Protein backbone atom coordinates (compact mmCIF):
# COMPACT_ATOMS: atom_id res chain seq x y z
CA MET A 1 -37.65 -89.12 87.65
CA GLU A 2 -40.08 -90.93 85.33
CA PHE A 3 -41.99 -88.71 82.91
CA LEU A 4 -45.44 -89.77 81.65
CA ARG A 5 -47.38 -87.90 78.95
CA PRO A 6 -50.75 -89.48 78.16
CA THR A 7 -52.77 -88.13 75.25
CA THR A 8 -56.21 -89.28 76.40
CA TRP A 9 -58.10 -88.85 79.66
CA THR A 10 -58.52 -92.62 79.95
CA ASP A 11 -54.77 -93.11 79.72
CA ALA A 12 -54.19 -90.31 82.24
CA LEU A 13 -56.47 -91.99 84.79
CA ALA A 14 -54.78 -95.34 84.18
CA ALA A 15 -51.38 -93.78 84.72
CA LYS A 16 -52.51 -92.14 87.97
CA ALA A 17 -53.97 -95.44 89.17
CA GLU A 18 -50.68 -97.19 88.45
CA HIS A 19 -48.63 -94.38 90.02
CA PRO A 20 -50.75 -92.79 92.80
CA SER A 21 -47.82 -90.63 93.92
CA ALA A 22 -47.36 -89.15 90.43
CA LEU A 23 -47.39 -85.34 90.43
CA PRO A 24 -49.77 -83.91 87.79
CA ILE A 25 -48.58 -80.96 85.71
CA ARG A 26 -50.34 -78.92 83.02
CA GLY A 27 -49.27 -75.27 82.95
CA GLY A 28 -46.43 -75.83 85.38
CA THR A 29 -46.65 -72.39 86.95
CA ASP A 30 -46.57 -73.84 90.49
CA VAL A 31 -44.96 -77.22 89.93
CA MET A 32 -41.92 -75.97 88.02
CA VAL A 33 -41.13 -73.43 90.72
CA GLU A 34 -41.13 -76.19 93.32
CA LEU A 35 -38.99 -78.43 91.12
CA ASN A 36 -36.51 -75.65 90.37
CA PHE A 37 -36.08 -74.85 94.06
CA ASP A 38 -35.97 -78.53 94.99
CA VAL A 39 -39.04 -78.18 97.20
CA ARG A 40 -40.49 -81.31 95.62
CA ARG A 41 -38.79 -84.15 93.82
CA PRO A 42 -41.48 -86.62 92.69
CA ASP A 43 -40.60 -90.06 91.40
CA VAL A 44 -43.14 -89.68 88.59
CA LEU A 45 -44.26 -86.54 86.76
CA LEU A 46 -47.62 -86.85 84.99
CA ASP A 47 -47.86 -84.30 82.18
CA LEU A 48 -51.51 -83.66 81.26
CA GLY A 49 -50.71 -81.16 78.51
CA GLY A 50 -51.58 -83.67 75.82
CA VAL A 51 -55.11 -84.37 77.11
CA LYS A 52 -57.23 -82.18 74.84
CA GLU A 53 -60.54 -82.39 76.72
CA LEU A 54 -59.04 -80.74 79.81
CA GLY A 55 -58.61 -77.54 77.79
CA GLU A 56 -62.30 -77.25 76.90
CA TRP A 57 -65.33 -75.65 78.56
CA SER A 58 -69.03 -75.99 77.85
CA PRO A 59 -72.46 -74.92 79.20
CA SER A 60 -74.02 -77.51 81.51
CA ASN A 61 -77.52 -77.07 83.00
CA GLY A 62 -77.16 -73.43 84.00
CA SER A 63 -73.48 -73.83 84.82
CA ILE A 64 -70.18 -73.75 83.01
CA GLN A 65 -68.15 -76.94 83.07
CA LEU A 66 -64.64 -75.54 83.04
CA GLY A 67 -61.95 -78.02 82.06
CA ALA A 68 -59.09 -78.22 84.53
CA GLY A 69 -56.67 -77.21 81.79
CA VAL A 70 -58.40 -74.05 80.51
CA PRO A 71 -55.85 -71.23 81.00
CA TYR A 72 -56.65 -67.97 82.76
CA THR A 73 -56.35 -65.97 79.53
CA ARG A 74 -59.26 -67.84 78.00
CA ILE A 75 -61.36 -67.40 81.15
CA ILE A 76 -60.84 -63.65 80.79
CA THR A 77 -61.55 -63.45 77.05
CA GLU A 78 -64.23 -66.13 76.68
CA LEU A 79 -66.04 -66.28 80.02
CA GLY A 80 -65.84 -62.77 81.42
CA GLU A 81 -69.59 -62.18 81.13
CA ARG A 82 -70.63 -65.62 82.35
CA LEU A 83 -68.14 -65.94 85.23
CA PRO A 84 -67.21 -62.34 86.06
CA GLY A 85 -65.79 -63.01 89.52
CA LEU A 86 -63.41 -65.69 88.30
CA ALA A 87 -62.46 -63.55 85.29
CA LEU A 88 -61.59 -60.62 87.58
CA ALA A 89 -59.41 -62.88 89.71
CA SER A 90 -57.79 -64.32 86.58
CA ARG A 91 -56.65 -60.85 85.53
CA THR A 92 -54.56 -60.57 88.69
CA VAL A 93 -52.68 -63.86 88.18
CA GLY A 94 -49.01 -63.45 87.32
CA SER A 95 -47.92 -61.98 84.00
CA PRO A 96 -49.51 -62.48 80.55
CA GLN A 97 -47.19 -65.44 80.03
CA ILE A 98 -48.31 -67.03 83.30
CA ARG A 99 -51.97 -66.41 82.49
CA ASN A 100 -51.46 -68.14 79.16
CA ARG A 101 -50.24 -71.26 80.96
CA GLY A 102 -51.77 -71.25 84.44
CA THR A 103 -55.10 -72.97 85.12
CA VAL A 104 -57.80 -73.16 87.76
CA GLY A 105 -57.19 -76.91 87.91
CA GLY A 106 -53.58 -76.26 88.84
CA ASN A 107 -54.63 -73.71 91.45
CA LEU A 108 -56.94 -76.27 92.99
CA GLY A 109 -54.31 -78.98 92.77
CA SER A 110 -51.82 -76.95 94.80
CA ALA A 111 -54.64 -75.90 97.19
CA SER A 112 -52.65 -72.90 98.39
CA PRO A 113 -54.57 -70.64 100.79
CA ALA A 114 -53.33 -67.74 98.63
CA GLY A 115 -54.64 -69.10 95.33
CA ASP A 116 -56.34 -66.25 93.43
CA ALA A 117 -59.03 -68.49 91.92
CA HIS A 118 -60.25 -69.81 95.25
CA PRO A 119 -62.26 -66.85 96.66
CA PRO A 120 -64.52 -66.55 93.58
CA LEU A 121 -64.97 -70.33 93.50
CA LEU A 122 -66.21 -70.20 97.09
CA ALA A 123 -68.42 -67.16 96.47
CA SER A 124 -70.11 -68.81 93.49
CA ASN A 125 -70.59 -72.27 95.06
CA ALA A 126 -68.36 -74.12 92.63
CA VAL A 127 -68.09 -77.90 92.49
CA VAL A 128 -64.85 -79.75 91.76
CA VAL A 129 -65.25 -82.75 89.46
CA ALA A 130 -62.69 -85.44 90.30
CA GLU A 131 -62.20 -88.71 88.51
CA SER A 132 -60.28 -91.96 88.79
CA VAL A 133 -60.52 -95.39 87.20
CA ARG A 134 -63.07 -96.10 89.97
CA GLY A 135 -65.45 -93.43 88.67
CA ARG A 136 -66.30 -89.75 88.89
CA ARG A 137 -67.41 -87.77 91.92
CA GLU A 138 -68.36 -84.15 92.60
CA ILE A 139 -66.81 -82.34 95.56
CA ALA A 140 -68.48 -79.18 96.86
CA ILE A 141 -65.93 -76.39 97.11
CA ASP A 142 -66.65 -76.11 100.86
CA ASP A 143 -65.44 -79.69 101.30
CA TYR A 144 -62.46 -79.50 98.96
CA PHE A 145 -59.82 -77.71 101.05
CA THR A 146 -58.75 -79.85 104.01
CA GLY A 147 -55.61 -78.09 105.28
CA VAL A 148 -52.63 -75.98 104.27
CA LYS A 149 -52.00 -77.01 100.66
CA LYS A 150 -54.11 -80.12 101.20
CA ASN A 151 -57.27 -81.19 99.40
CA ALA A 152 -59.92 -83.88 99.38
CA LEU A 153 -58.61 -85.76 96.34
CA ALA A 154 -57.88 -89.46 96.74
CA PRO A 155 -54.35 -90.55 95.73
CA ASP A 156 -55.59 -92.01 92.44
CA GLU A 157 -57.85 -89.07 91.50
CA LEU A 158 -57.29 -86.24 89.05
CA ILE A 159 -59.26 -83.01 88.66
CA HIS A 160 -61.29 -83.20 85.47
CA SER A 161 -63.18 -79.90 85.64
CA VAL A 162 -64.97 -77.37 87.80
CA LEU A 163 -68.72 -76.66 87.68
CA LEU A 164 -69.53 -72.99 88.19
CA PRO A 165 -73.08 -71.62 88.13
CA LEU A 166 -73.63 -68.89 85.56
CA ALA A 167 -73.65 -65.50 87.26
CA THR A 168 -77.17 -64.27 88.00
CA GLY A 169 -75.96 -61.09 89.68
CA PRO A 170 -72.86 -58.95 90.13
CA GLN A 171 -69.59 -60.54 91.20
CA GLN A 172 -66.41 -58.85 92.39
CA PHE A 173 -62.88 -59.75 93.37
CA SER A 174 -60.09 -57.74 94.94
CA LYS A 175 -56.78 -58.47 96.58
CA VAL A 176 -54.03 -56.64 98.42
CA GLY A 177 -50.42 -57.03 97.35
CA THR A 178 -47.34 -54.99 96.62
CA ARG A 179 -48.68 -54.61 93.07
CA ASN A 180 -51.71 -55.69 91.07
CA ALA A 181 -50.24 -58.84 89.54
CA MET A 182 -47.15 -61.07 89.67
CA VAL A 183 -47.45 -61.12 93.44
CA ILE A 184 -48.80 -63.48 96.10
CA ALA A 185 -51.80 -61.86 97.73
CA VAL A 186 -51.45 -60.52 101.26
CA CYS A 187 -55.19 -61.18 101.39
CA ALA A 188 -57.96 -61.51 98.82
CA PHE A 189 -61.74 -61.36 98.80
CA GLY A 190 -64.44 -62.54 96.42
CA LEU A 191 -68.11 -61.49 96.51
CA ALA A 192 -71.11 -62.75 94.55
CA LEU A 193 -74.69 -61.49 94.75
CA HIS A 194 -77.36 -64.06 93.94
CA PRO A 195 -80.56 -62.00 93.46
CA ARG A 196 -82.82 -64.94 92.55
CA GLU A 197 -82.11 -66.66 95.85
CA ARG A 198 -81.67 -63.35 97.73
CA VAL A 199 -78.36 -64.59 99.14
CA VAL A 200 -74.74 -63.48 99.14
CA GLY A 201 -71.59 -65.56 98.64
CA THR A 202 -68.13 -64.69 99.91
CA GLY A 203 -64.63 -66.13 99.68
CA ILE A 204 -61.49 -65.18 101.61
CA GLY A 205 -57.96 -65.95 100.45
CA SER A 206 -54.54 -65.77 102.08
CA ALA A 207 -55.95 -65.11 105.55
CA ALA A 208 -56.51 -68.60 107.00
CA PRO A 209 -54.95 -72.08 106.69
CA THR A 210 -57.34 -72.69 103.78
CA PRO A 211 -59.53 -70.48 101.61
CA VAL A 212 -62.71 -69.87 103.61
CA ARG A 213 -66.14 -68.27 103.46
CA ALA A 214 -67.53 -65.65 105.83
CA PRO A 215 -70.87 -67.33 106.67
CA GLU A 216 -72.03 -64.81 109.28
CA ALA A 217 -71.26 -61.97 106.88
CA ASP A 218 -73.20 -63.80 104.15
CA ALA A 219 -76.25 -64.23 106.34
CA PHE A 220 -76.15 -60.64 107.61
CA LEU A 221 -75.85 -59.05 104.17
CA SER A 222 -78.42 -61.35 102.57
CA GLY A 223 -80.98 -60.05 105.05
CA GLU A 224 -79.97 -56.39 104.82
CA LEU A 225 -79.83 -55.80 101.07
CA PRO A 226 -82.93 -54.10 99.61
CA TRP A 227 -83.21 -56.62 96.79
CA GLU A 228 -86.62 -55.44 95.57
CA THR A 229 -86.17 -51.67 95.69
CA ARG A 230 -82.45 -51.62 94.85
CA GLY A 231 -82.17 -48.66 97.18
CA SER A 232 -79.05 -47.11 98.65
CA LEU A 233 -77.18 -48.98 101.38
CA PRO A 234 -76.63 -47.30 104.75
CA GLU A 235 -72.98 -46.91 105.63
CA THR A 236 -73.59 -49.03 108.73
CA VAL A 237 -74.39 -52.05 106.56
CA GLY A 238 -71.03 -51.88 104.80
CA LEU A 239 -69.18 -51.37 108.06
CA GLU A 240 -70.83 -54.35 109.73
CA PHE A 241 -70.31 -56.51 106.66
CA GLY A 242 -66.62 -55.63 106.68
CA ARG A 243 -66.35 -56.39 110.38
CA LEU A 244 -67.94 -59.81 109.96
CA VAL A 245 -65.72 -60.66 107.00
CA ALA A 246 -62.60 -59.74 109.00
CA ALA A 247 -63.85 -61.81 111.94
CA ALA A 248 -64.21 -64.88 109.71
CA ALA A 249 -60.49 -64.87 108.90
CA SER A 250 -57.77 -66.49 110.99
CA PRO A 251 -54.60 -64.91 109.58
CA ILE A 252 -50.99 -65.12 110.75
CA ASP A 253 -48.04 -62.77 110.81
CA ASP A 254 -45.57 -63.47 108.00
CA VAL A 255 -43.18 -61.67 105.65
CA ARG A 256 -46.07 -60.37 103.53
CA GLY A 257 -48.12 -58.82 106.32
CA THR A 258 -49.31 -59.03 109.89
CA ALA A 259 -52.50 -60.70 111.04
CA ALA A 260 -53.87 -57.34 112.17
CA TYR A 261 -53.19 -55.78 108.79
CA ARG A 262 -54.85 -58.67 106.97
CA ARG A 263 -58.00 -58.33 109.07
CA HIS A 264 -58.13 -54.59 108.46
CA ALA A 265 -57.51 -55.02 104.74
CA LEU A 266 -60.25 -57.63 104.45
CA SER A 267 -62.77 -55.32 106.07
CA VAL A 268 -61.84 -52.63 103.53
CA LEU A 269 -62.00 -55.06 100.59
CA ALA A 270 -65.40 -56.29 101.75
CA ARG A 271 -66.82 -52.77 101.88
CA ARG A 272 -65.33 -51.80 98.52
CA THR A 273 -66.44 -54.90 96.65
CA LEU A 274 -69.92 -54.54 98.17
CA GLY A 275 -70.10 -50.96 96.94
CA TRP A 276 -69.03 -51.93 93.43
CA ALA A 277 -71.33 -54.94 93.26
CA TRP A 278 -74.36 -53.10 94.63
CA HIS A 279 -73.85 -50.23 92.18
CA ASP A 280 -73.78 -52.75 89.33
CA TYR A 281 -76.96 -54.33 90.66
CA GLN A 282 -78.73 -50.97 90.99
CA THR A 283 -77.78 -49.89 87.46
CA GLY A 284 -78.00 -53.27 85.78
CA ALA A 285 -74.44 -52.86 84.55
CA TRP A 286 -73.49 -56.39 85.58
CA SER A 287 -75.77 -57.97 82.97
């Protein structure tokens, strides 16, 4: 196995262009597991740990440009108020040691349907910034996931960063597992309220071949929320929202849970996160 460790982004792109099959690694929280269990054995390993700019974030026209190498710990401590949904999801990733190493870029690179970062990225309309020696392009999060652990990146492209709009309303994340962290989610759900646009964003994890939205649930809730009055929500609204979220999933039976359980759990998570988010919106606590 050939090991490459560029120290600049330009050199990293050149290396990927020369070796399109090279497997990128930064935190190694997914890649090293696959290597240790001989699930993957790449000819070339491209270590991006020496590329400083990937570990940086900055404001960008009402959004945060989050470098692909920013670890979850820094998202929690530095961006919790700006990106609350992603910060909540980051708190459930692995152990403190894993959160110190793992990155959203790595989560996107593996494109697992169970990736904890994916539901809040969908709910907040994130954009993946990919780059190669041919140039840079922006991929809407809806177009990024193309299959089970497959993504829209070209062979010579690397993830540079993710663009996430600054939160303008409450955001929530919740998942079901055998414990709160250090576990692959049985199912997960992200919710974002966008009061300025009067719309709702959702994201479902670990309950379909790819992370997905619940578009019918989004449309229903966007029209039912009393945005102006901030009044109480009828129980029927939460129940219908949960039903539509569950209907948007296409889960399977596996060792972590049955399809029926996943659908039920998603309906519960949808109702709970809606209750938390709406309370924050009513009280202004989210801001």
